[in-house]
PDB file of N, CA and C in Angstrom:
ATOM      1  N   MET A   1     -24.984   6.408 -20.512  1.00  0.00           N
ATOM      2  CA  MET A   1     -23.613   6.114 -20.548  1.00  0.00           C
ATOM      3  C   MET A   1     -23.195   5.881 -18.892  1.00  0.00           C
ATOM      4  N   GLY A   2     -22.437   4.665 -18.210  1.00  0.00           N
ATOM      5  CA  GLY A   2     -21.758   4.836 -17.222  1.00  0.00           C
ATOM      6  C   GLY A   2     -19.744   5.495 -17.664  1.00  0.00           C
ATOM      7  N   LYS A   3     -19.624   5.565 -16.224  1.00  0.00           N
ATOM      8  CA  LYS A   3     -18.196   5.704 -16.119  1.00  0.00           C
ATOM      9  C   LYS A   3     -17.641   5.152 -17.264  1.00  0.00           C
ATOM     10  N   THR A   4     -15.995   5.861 -17.752  1.00  0.00           N
ATOM     11  CA  THR A   4     -15.019   4.907 -18.281  1.00  0.00           C
ATOM     12  C   THR A   4     -13.490   4.781 -17.414  1.00  0.00           C
ATOM     13  N   GLU A   5     -13.192   3.568 -16.973  1.00  0.00           N
ATOM     14  CA  GLU A   5     -12.309   3.163 -16.041  1.00  0.00           C
ATOM     15  C   GLU A   5     -11.336   2.463 -16.985  1.00  0.00           C
ATOM     16  N   PHE A   6      -9.718   2.756 -16.408  1.00  0.00           N
ATOM     17  CA  PHE A   6      -9.180   1.972 -17.381  1.00  0.00           C
ATOM     18  C   PHE A   6      -8.132   1.372 -15.879  1.00  0.00           C
ATOM     19  N   THR A   7      -7.542  -0.253 -15.658  1.00  0.00           N
ATOM     20  CA  THR A   7      -7.124  -0.568 -15.069  1.00  0.00           C
ATOM     21  C   THR A   7      -5.841  -1.726 -15.780  1.00  0.00           C
ATOM     22  N   PHE A   8      -4.794  -1.362 -15.481  1.00  0.00           N
ATOM     23  CA  PHE A   8      -3.444  -1.753 -16.081  1.00  0.00           C
ATOM     24  C   PHE A   8      -3.114  -2.758 -14.808  1.00  0.00           C
ATOM     25  N   SER A   9      -2.878  -4.117 -15.407  1.00  0.00           N
ATOM     26  CA  SER A   9      -2.134  -4.844 -14.398  1.00  0.00           C
ATOM     27  C   SER A   9      -1.483  -6.192 -15.446  1.00  0.00           C
ATOM     28  N   ALA A  10      -0.513  -6.847 -14.632  1.00  0.00           N
ATOM     29  CA  ALA A  10       0.156  -7.898 -14.830  1.00  0.00           C
ATOM     30  C   ALA A  10      -1.052  -8.645 -14.729  1.00  0.00           C
ATOM     31  N   ALA A  11      -0.708  -9.748 -15.551  1.00  0.00           N
ATOM     32  CA  ALA A  11      -1.864 -10.915 -15.867  1.00  0.00           C
ATOM     33  C   ALA A  11      -1.966 -11.853 -14.188  1.00  0.00           C
ATOM     34  N   ASP A  12      -0.687 -12.157 -13.901  1.00  0.00           N
ATOM     35  CA  ASP A  12      -0.301 -12.769 -12.856  1.00  0.00           C
ATOM     36  C   ASP A  12      -0.252 -12.056 -11.328  1.00  0.00           C
ATOM     37  N   GLN A  13      -0.774 -11.431 -11.523  1.00  0.00           N
ATOM     38  CA  GLN A  13      -1.104  -9.955 -10.242  1.00  0.00           C
ATOM     39  C   GLN A  13      -2.485  -9.955 -10.197  1.00  0.00           C
ATOM     40  N   MET A  14      -3.692 -10.789 -11.520  1.00  0.00           N
ATOM     41  CA  MET A  14      -5.012 -10.342 -11.081  1.00  0.00           C
ATOM     42  C   MET A  14      -5.961 -10.670 -11.280  1.00  0.00           C
ATOM     43  N   ASN A  15      -6.804 -11.259 -10.320  1.00  0.00           N
ATOM     44  CA  ASN A  15      -7.374 -12.066 -10.150  1.00  0.00           C
ATOM     45  C   ASN A  15      -9.139 -11.976 -10.266  1.00  0.00           C
ATOM     46  N   VAL A  16      -9.583 -11.550 -12.033  1.00  0.00           N
ATOM     47  CA  VAL A  16     -10.611 -10.729 -11.986  1.00  0.00           C
ATOM     48  C   VAL A  16     -11.860 -10.921 -11.887  1.00  0.00           C
ATOM     49  N   TYR A  17     -11.996 -12.444 -11.537  1.00  0.00           N
ATOM     50  CA  TYR A  17     -13.200 -12.670 -11.005  1.00  0.00           C
ATOM     51  C   TYR A  17     -13.216 -12.273  -9.473  1.00  0.00           C
ATOM     52  N   LYS A  18     -12.465 -13.074  -8.952  1.00  0.00           N
ATOM     53  CA  LYS A  18     -12.587 -12.362  -7.113  1.00  0.00           C
ATOM     54  C   LYS A  18     -12.346 -10.466  -7.157  1.00  0.00           C
ATOM     55  N   ASP A  19     -11.953 -10.312  -7.986  1.00  0.00           N
ATOM     56  CA  ASP A  19     -11.837  -8.593  -8.157  1.00  0.00           C
ATOM     57  C   ASP A  19     -13.486  -7.856  -8.088  1.00  0.00           C
ATOM     58  N   LYS A  20     -14.212  -8.913  -9.248  1.00  0.00           N
ATOM     59  CA  LYS A  20     -15.818  -8.232  -9.642  1.00  0.00           C
ATOM     60  C   LYS A  20     -16.505  -8.705  -8.403  1.00  0.00           C
ATOM     61  N   GLU A  21     -16.181 -10.401  -7.611  1.00  0.00           N
ATOM     62  CA  GLU A  21     -17.093 -10.178  -6.860  1.00  0.00           C
ATOM     63  C   GLU A  21     -16.979  -9.951  -5.424  1.00  0.00           C
ATOM     64  N   ASN A  22     -15.329  -8.744  -5.206  1.00  0.00           N
ATOM     65  CA  ASN A  22     -15.582  -8.361  -4.302  1.00  0.00           C
ATOM     66  C   ASN A  22     -15.407  -6.841  -4.260  1.00  0.00           C
ATOM     67  N   GLY A  23     -16.288  -6.228  -5.968  1.00  0.00           N
ATOM     68  CA  GLY A  23     -16.342  -4.419  -6.168  1.00  0.00           C
ATOM     69  C   GLY A  23     -15.148  -3.885  -6.252  1.00  0.00           C
ATOM     70  N   VAL A  24     -14.186  -4.505  -6.340  1.00  0.00           N
ATOM     71  CA  VAL A  24     -12.926  -4.148  -7.265  1.00  0.00           C
ATOM     72  C   VAL A  24     -13.032  -3.624  -7.955  1.00  0.00           C
ATOM     73  N   MET A  25     -13.929  -4.405  -9.142  1.00  0.00           N
ATOM     74  CA  MET A  25     -13.511  -3.913 -10.392  1.00  0.00           C
ATOM     75  C   MET A  25     -15.386  -4.127 -10.723  1.00  0.00           C
ATOM     76  N   ASP A  26     -15.579  -3.484 -11.757  1.00  0.00           N
ATOM     77  CA  ASP A  26     -17.005  -3.644 -12.225  1.00  0.00           C
ATOM     78  C   ASP A  26     -17.472  -4.451 -12.677  1.00  0.00           C
ATOM     79  N   LYS A  27     -19.119  -5.201 -12.497  1.00  0.00           N
ATOM     80  CA  LYS A  27     -18.948  -6.554 -12.484  1.00  0.00           C
ATOM     81  C   LYS A  27     -19.028  -6.688 -14.541  1.00  0.00           C
ATOM     82  N   ASP A  28     -19.040  -5.617 -14.691  1.00  0.00           N
ATOM     83  CA  ASP A  28     -19.817  -5.494 -16.075  1.00  0.00           C
ATOM     84  C   ASP A  28     -17.968  -5.069 -17.031  1.00  0.00           C
ATOM     85  N   ALA A  29     -16.795  -4.681 -16.094  1.00  0.00           N
ATOM     86  CA  ALA A  29     -15.751  -4.905 -16.505  1.00  0.00           C
ATOM     87  C   ALA A  29     -15.235  -6.108 -17.838  1.00  0.00           C
ATOM     88  N   TYR A  30     -14.416  -5.866 -19.018  1.00  0.00           N
ATOM     89  CA  TYR A  30     -14.149  -6.588 -19.746  1.00  0.00           C
ATOM     90  C   TYR A  30     -12.773  -6.399 -20.363  1.00  0.00           C
ATOM     91  N   LEU A  31     -12.016  -7.468 -21.078  1.00  0.00           N
ATOM     92  CA  LEU A  31     -10.592  -7.267 -21.121  1.00  0.00           C
ATOM     93  C   LEU A  31     -10.716  -6.354 -22.380  1.00  0.00           C
ATOM     94  N   LEU A  32      -9.691  -5.137 -22.830  1.00  0.00           N
ATOM     95  CA  LEU A  32     -10.027  -4.401 -23.802  1.00  0.00           C
ATOM     96  C   LEU A  32      -8.693  -4.330 -24.493  1.00  0.00           C
ATOM     97  N   HIS A  33      -7.606  -4.554 -23.698  1.00  0.00           N
ATOM     98  CA  HIS A  33      -6.331  -4.475 -24.862  1.00  0.00           C
ATOM     99  C   HIS A  33      -5.601  -5.492 -23.814  1.00  0.00           C
ATOM    100  N   GLU A  34      -4.586  -6.794 -24.546  1.00  0.00           N
ATOM    101  CA  GLU A  34      -3.630  -7.491 -23.735  1.00  0.00           C
ATOM    102  C   GLU A  34      -2.065  -7.355 -24.256  1.00  0.00           C
ATOM    103  N   ILE A  35      -1.722  -7.129 -23.465  1.00  0.00           N
ATOM    104  CA  ILE A  35      -0.151  -6.198 -24.284  1.00  0.00           C
ATOM    105  C   ILE A  35       1.229  -7.649 -23.495  1.00  0.00           C
ATOM    106  N   GLU A  36       2.221  -7.941 -24.214  1.00  0.00           N
ATOM    107  CA  GLU A  36       2.711  -8.725 -23.938  1.00  0.00           C
ATOM    108  C   GLU A  36       4.342  -8.132 -24.014  1.00  0.00           C
ATOM    109  N   ALA A  37       4.838  -7.968 -23.122  1.00  0.00           N
ATOM    110  CA  ALA A  37       6.218  -7.261 -23.062  1.00  0.00           C
ATOM    111  C   ALA A  37       6.724  -7.853 -22.244  1.00  0.00           C
ATOM    112  N   SER A  38       8.143  -7.064 -22.078  1.00  0.00           N
ATOM    113  CA  SER A  38       9.165  -7.776 -21.501  1.00  0.00           C
ATOM    114  C   SER A  38       9.513  -7.158 -20.682  1.00  0.00           C
ATOM    115  N   THR A  39       9.216  -6.139 -19.866  1.00  0.00           N
ATOM    116  CA  THR A  39       9.286  -5.772 -19.058  1.00  0.00           C
ATOM    117  C   THR A  39       8.418  -4.456 -18.885  1.00  0.00           C
ATOM    118  N   TYR A  40       8.262  -3.637 -17.665  1.00  0.00           N
ATOM    119  CA  TYR A  40       7.116  -2.574 -17.551  1.00  0.00           C
ATOM    120  C   TYR A  40       7.096  -1.655 -18.060  1.00  0.00           C
ATOM    121  N   GLU A  41       7.933  -0.913 -18.315  1.00  0.00           N
ATOM    122  CA  GLU A  41       8.630   0.315 -19.296  1.00  0.00           C
ATOM    123  C   GLU A  41       8.124  -0.313 -20.518  1.00  0.00           C
ATOM    124  N   GLU A  42       8.160  -1.427 -21.185  1.00  0.00           N
ATOM    125  CA  GLU A  42       7.635  -1.715 -22.130  1.00  0.00           C
ATOM    126  C   GLU A  42       6.573  -1.732 -22.614  1.00  0.00           C
ATOM    127  N   ALA A  43       5.953  -2.589 -21.328  1.00  0.00           N
ATOM    128  CA  ALA A  43       3.912  -2.634 -21.578  1.00  0.00           C
ATOM    129  C   ALA A  43       3.576  -1.252 -21.490  1.00  0.00           C
ATOM    130  N   MET A  44       4.235  -0.350 -20.550  1.00  0.00           N
ATOM    131  CA  MET A  44       3.374   0.447 -20.472  1.00  0.00           C
ATOM    132  C   MET A  44       3.881   1.702 -21.673  1.00  0.00           C
ATOM    133  N   SER A  45       4.558   1.177 -22.355  1.00  0.00           N
ATOM    134  CA  SER A  45       4.674   2.248 -23.472  1.00  0.00           C
ATOM    135  C   SER A  45       3.337   1.771 -24.657  1.00  0.00           C
ATOM    136  N   ILE A  46       3.338   0.570 -24.667  1.00  0.00           N
ATOM    137  CA  ILE A  46       2.178   0.118 -25.723  1.00  0.00           C
ATOM    138  C   ILE A  46       1.227   0.503 -25.409  1.00  0.00           C
ATOM    139  N   TYR A  47       1.087   0.149 -23.796  1.00  0.00           N
ATOM    140  CA  TYR A  47      -0.451   0.924 -23.317  1.00  0.00           C
ATOM    141  C   TYR A  47      -1.169   2.181 -23.722  1.00  0.00           C
ATOM    142  N   HIS A  48      -0.026   2.815 -23.281  1.00  0.00           N
ATOM    143  CA  HIS A  48      -0.130   4.498 -23.914  1.00  0.00           C
ATOM    144  C   HIS A  48      -0.332   5.016 -25.294  1.00  0.00           C
ATOM    145  N   LEU A  49       0.633   4.380 -25.943  1.00  0.00           N
ATOM    146  CA  LEU A  49       0.233   4.147 -27.692  1.00  0.00           C
ATOM    147  C   LEU A  49      -1.323   3.488 -27.768  1.00  0.00           C
ATOM    148  N   ARG A  50      -1.983   2.554 -27.329  1.00  0.00           N
ATOM    149  CA  ARG A  50      -2.984   1.624 -27.782  1.00  0.00           C
ATOM    150  C   ARG A  50      -4.303   2.796 -27.445  1.00  0.00           C
ATOM    151  N   VAL A  51      -3.983   3.415 -25.836  1.00  0.00           N
ATOM    152  CA  VAL A  51      -5.175   4.379 -25.607  1.00  0.00           C
ATOM    153  C   VAL A  51      -4.928   5.754 -26.035  1.00  0.00           C
ATOM    154  N   GLY A  52      -4.185   6.067 -26.822  1.00  0.00           N
ATOM    155  CA  GLY A  52      -3.786   7.553 -27.194  1.00  0.00           C
ATOM    156  C   GLY A  52      -3.580   8.638 -26.120  1.00  0.00           C
ATOM    157  N   PHE A  53      -2.509   7.929 -25.179  1.00  0.00           N
ATOM    158  CA  PHE A  53      -1.890   9.125 -24.311  1.00  0.00           C
ATOM    159  C   PHE A  53      -1.207   9.076 -24.725  1.00  0.00           C
ATOM    160  N   GLU A  54      -0.307  10.193 -23.769  1.00  0.00           N
ATOM    161  CA  GLU A  54       1.338  10.992 -24.679  1.00  0.00           C
ATOM    162  C   GLU A  54       2.265   9.895 -24.412  1.00  0.00           C
ATOM    163  N   PRO A  55       3.366   9.791 -24.707  1.00  0.00           N
ATOM    164  CA  PRO A  55       4.571   8.690 -25.095  1.00  0.00           C
ATOM    165  C   PRO A  55       4.881   8.787 -23.219  1.00  0.00           C
ATOM    166  N   TYR A  56       4.699   8.074 -23.127  1.00  0.00           N
ATOM    167  CA  TYR A  56       4.988   7.248 -21.651  1.00  0.00           C
ATOM    168  C   TYR A  56       6.510   7.311 -21.456  1.00  0.00           C
ATOM    169  N   LYS A  57       6.535   8.117 -20.195  1.00  0.00           N
ATOM    170  CA  LYS A  57       8.024   8.861 -20.127  1.00  0.00           C
ATOM    171  C   LYS A  57       8.429   7.683 -18.817  1.00  0.00           C
ATOM    172  N   THR A  58       9.796   7.593 -19.150  1.00  0.00           N
ATOM    173  CA  THR A  58      10.467   6.151 -17.794  1.00  0.00           C
ATOM    174  C   THR A  58      10.535   7.286 -16.587  1.00  0.00           C
ATOM    175  N   ASN A  59      10.931   6.111 -15.545  1.00  0.00           N
ATOM    176  CA  ASN A  59      11.531   6.712 -14.668  1.00  0.00           C
ATOM    177  C   ASN A  59      13.172   6.963 -15.118  1.00  0.00           C
ATOM    178  N   GLY A  60      13.830   8.067 -15.008  1.00  0.00           N
ATOM    179  CA  GLY A  60      15.435   8.037 -14.957  1.00  0.00           C
ATOM    180  C   GLY A  60      16.015   6.915 -16.738  1.00  0.00           C
ATOM    181  N   SER A  61      17.180   6.988 -16.630  1.00  0.00           N
ATOM    182  CA  SER A  61      17.306   7.321 -18.062  1.00  0.00           C
ATOM    183  C   SER A  61      18.022   5.418 -17.993  1.00  0.00           C
ATOM    184  N   SER A  62      18.123   4.863 -19.185  1.00  0.00           N
ATOM    185  CA  SER A  62      18.242   3.081 -19.517  1.00  0.00           C
ATOM    186  C   SER A  62      19.776   2.940 -19.072  1.00  0.00           C
ATOM    187  N   LYS A  63      19.943   2.013 -19.078  1.00  0.00           N
ATOM    188  CA  LYS A  63      21.623   1.803 -18.538  1.00  0.00           C
ATOM    189  C   LYS A  63      21.680   0.660 -19.069  1.00  0.00           C
ATOM    190  N   LEU A  64      23.187   0.079 -19.498  1.00  0.00           N
ATOM    191  CA  LEU A  64      22.704  -1.567 -19.773  1.00  0.00           C
ATOM    192  C   LEU A  64      23.070  -2.262 -18.570  1.00  0.00           C
ATOM    193  N   CYS A  65      22.811  -3.294 -19.026  1.00  0.00           N
ATOM    194  CA  CYS A  65      21.990  -4.336 -18.378  1.00  0.00           C
ATOM    195  C   CYS A  65      23.333  -4.981 -17.597  1.00  0.00           C
ATOM    196  N   PRO A  66      23.497  -5.023 -16.295  1.00  0.00           N
ATOM    197  CA  PRO A  66      24.392  -5.436 -15.353  1.00  0.00           C
ATOM    198  C   PRO A  66      24.676  -7.171 -15.718  1.00  0.00           C
ATOM    199  N   LYS A  67      23.964  -7.688 -16.225  1.00  0.00           N
ATOM    200  CA  LYS A  67      24.455  -9.072 -16.921  1.00  0.00           C
ATOM    201  C   LYS A  67      25.043  -9.656 -17.638  1.00  0.00           C
ATOM    202  N   GLY A  68      25.037  -8.384 -18.409  1.00  0.00           N
ATOM    203  CA  GLY A  68      25.723  -8.571 -19.570  1.00  0.00           C
ATOM    204  C   GLY A  68      25.492  -9.061 -20.934  1.00  0.00           C
ATOM    205  N   CYS A  69      23.613  -9.243 -20.683  1.00  0.00           N
ATOM    206  CA  CYS A  69      22.960  -9.931 -21.783  1.00  0.00           C
ATOM    207  C   CYS A  69      23.064  -8.616 -23.360  1.00  0.00           C
ATOM    208  N   GLY A  70      23.602  -7.667 -23.132  1.00  0.00           N
ATOM    209  CA  GLY A  70      23.347  -6.401 -24.316  1.00  0.00           C
ATOM    210  C   GLY A  70      22.366  -5.881 -24.046  1.00  0.00           C
ATOM    211  N   SER A  71      21.467  -5.973 -23.316  1.00  0.00           N
ATOM    212  CA  SER A  71      20.015  -5.154 -23.275  1.00  0.00           C
ATOM    213  C   SER A  71      19.675  -4.050 -22.160  1.00  0.00           C
ATOM    214  N   TYR A  72      19.358  -3.200 -22.678  1.00  0.00           N
ATOM    215  CA  TYR A  72      18.995  -1.924 -21.818  1.00  0.00           C
ATOM    216  C   TYR A  72      17.813  -2.334 -20.710  1.00  0.00           C
ATOM    217  N   PHE A  73      17.919  -1.302 -19.756  1.00  0.00           N
ATOM    218  CA  PHE A  73      16.930  -1.842 -18.455  1.00  0.00           C
ATOM    219  C   PHE A  73      16.995  -0.431 -17.794  1.00  0.00           C
ATOM    220  N   TYR A  74      15.895  -0.166 -16.900  1.00  0.00           N
ATOM    221  CA  TYR A  74      15.590   1.067 -16.560  1.00  0.00           C
ATOM    222  C   TYR A  74      16.219   0.761 -14.479  1.00  0.00           C
ATOM    223  N   PRO A  75      17.066   0.994 -14.341  1.00  0.00           N
ATOM    224  CA  PRO A  75      17.389   1.143 -12.811  1.00  0.00           C
ATOM    225  C   PRO A  75      16.238   1.864 -12.073  1.00  0.00           C
ATOM    226  N   GLU A  76      16.285   2.889 -12.560  1.00  0.00           N
ATOM    227  CA  GLU A  76      15.253   3.624 -11.218  1.00  0.00           C
ATOM    228  C   GLU A  76      13.860   3.898 -11.693  1.00  0.00           C
ATOM    229  N   GLY A  77      13.879   2.682 -12.700  1.00  0.00           N
ATOM    230  CA  GLY A  77      12.368   2.340 -12.778  1.00  0.00           C
ATOM    231  C   GLY A  77      11.994   0.675 -12.116  1.00  0.00           C
ATOM    232  N   SER A  78      11.505   0.378 -13.017  1.00  0.00           N
ATOM    233  CA  SER A  78      11.326  -1.247 -12.879  1.00  0.00           C
ATOM    234  C   SER A  78      12.617  -2.302 -12.406  1.00  0.00           C
ATOM    235  N   GLY A  79      13.783  -1.725 -12.903  1.00  0.00           N
ATOM    236  CA  GLY A  79      15.252  -2.463 -12.440  1.00  0.00           C
ATOM    237  C   GLY A  79      14.770  -3.897 -13.770  1.00  0.00           C
ATOM    238  N   GLN A  80      13.988  -4.164 -14.238  1.00  0.00           N
ATOM    239  CA  GLN A  80      13.995  -5.573 -15.528  1.00  0.00           C
ATOM    240  C   GLN A  80      14.640  -5.216 -16.123  1.00  0.00           C
ATOM    241  N   CYS A  81      15.289  -6.561 -16.231  1.00  0.00           N
ATOM    242  CA  CYS A  81      16.179  -7.060 -17.704  1.00  0.00           C
ATOM    243  C   CYS A  81      15.374  -7.798 -18.370  1.00  0.00           C
ATOM    244  N   PRO A  82      15.401  -7.534 -19.696  1.00  0.00           N
ATOM    245  CA  PRO A  82      14.216  -8.192 -20.829  1.00  0.00           C
ATOM    246  C   PRO A  82      14.407  -9.111 -20.541  1.00  0.00           C
ATOM    247  N   TYR A  83      15.711  -9.517 -20.346  1.00  0.00           N
ATOM    248  CA  TYR A  83      16.133 -11.575 -20.696  1.00  0.00           C
ATOM    249  C   TYR A  83      16.674 -12.027 -19.426  1.00  0.00           C
TER     250      TYR A  83
END
């Protein structure tokens, strides 16, 4: 049995065919999980649960979004507002 590796990437940043051709990804690589999330922190939390890792720890603490949408975001992390 070969080695096991995980790659986590946003769909709009990853060109799987090109990465396989260039040897960045193994030619036998396949999609294991597809995660839809509003923020990087949410995606990583789901990913950690799916693959059995310890709970994801965010960078810094959450704060209310300055856009006034009522959501929380992580300014020391991705800084992404979910809305």
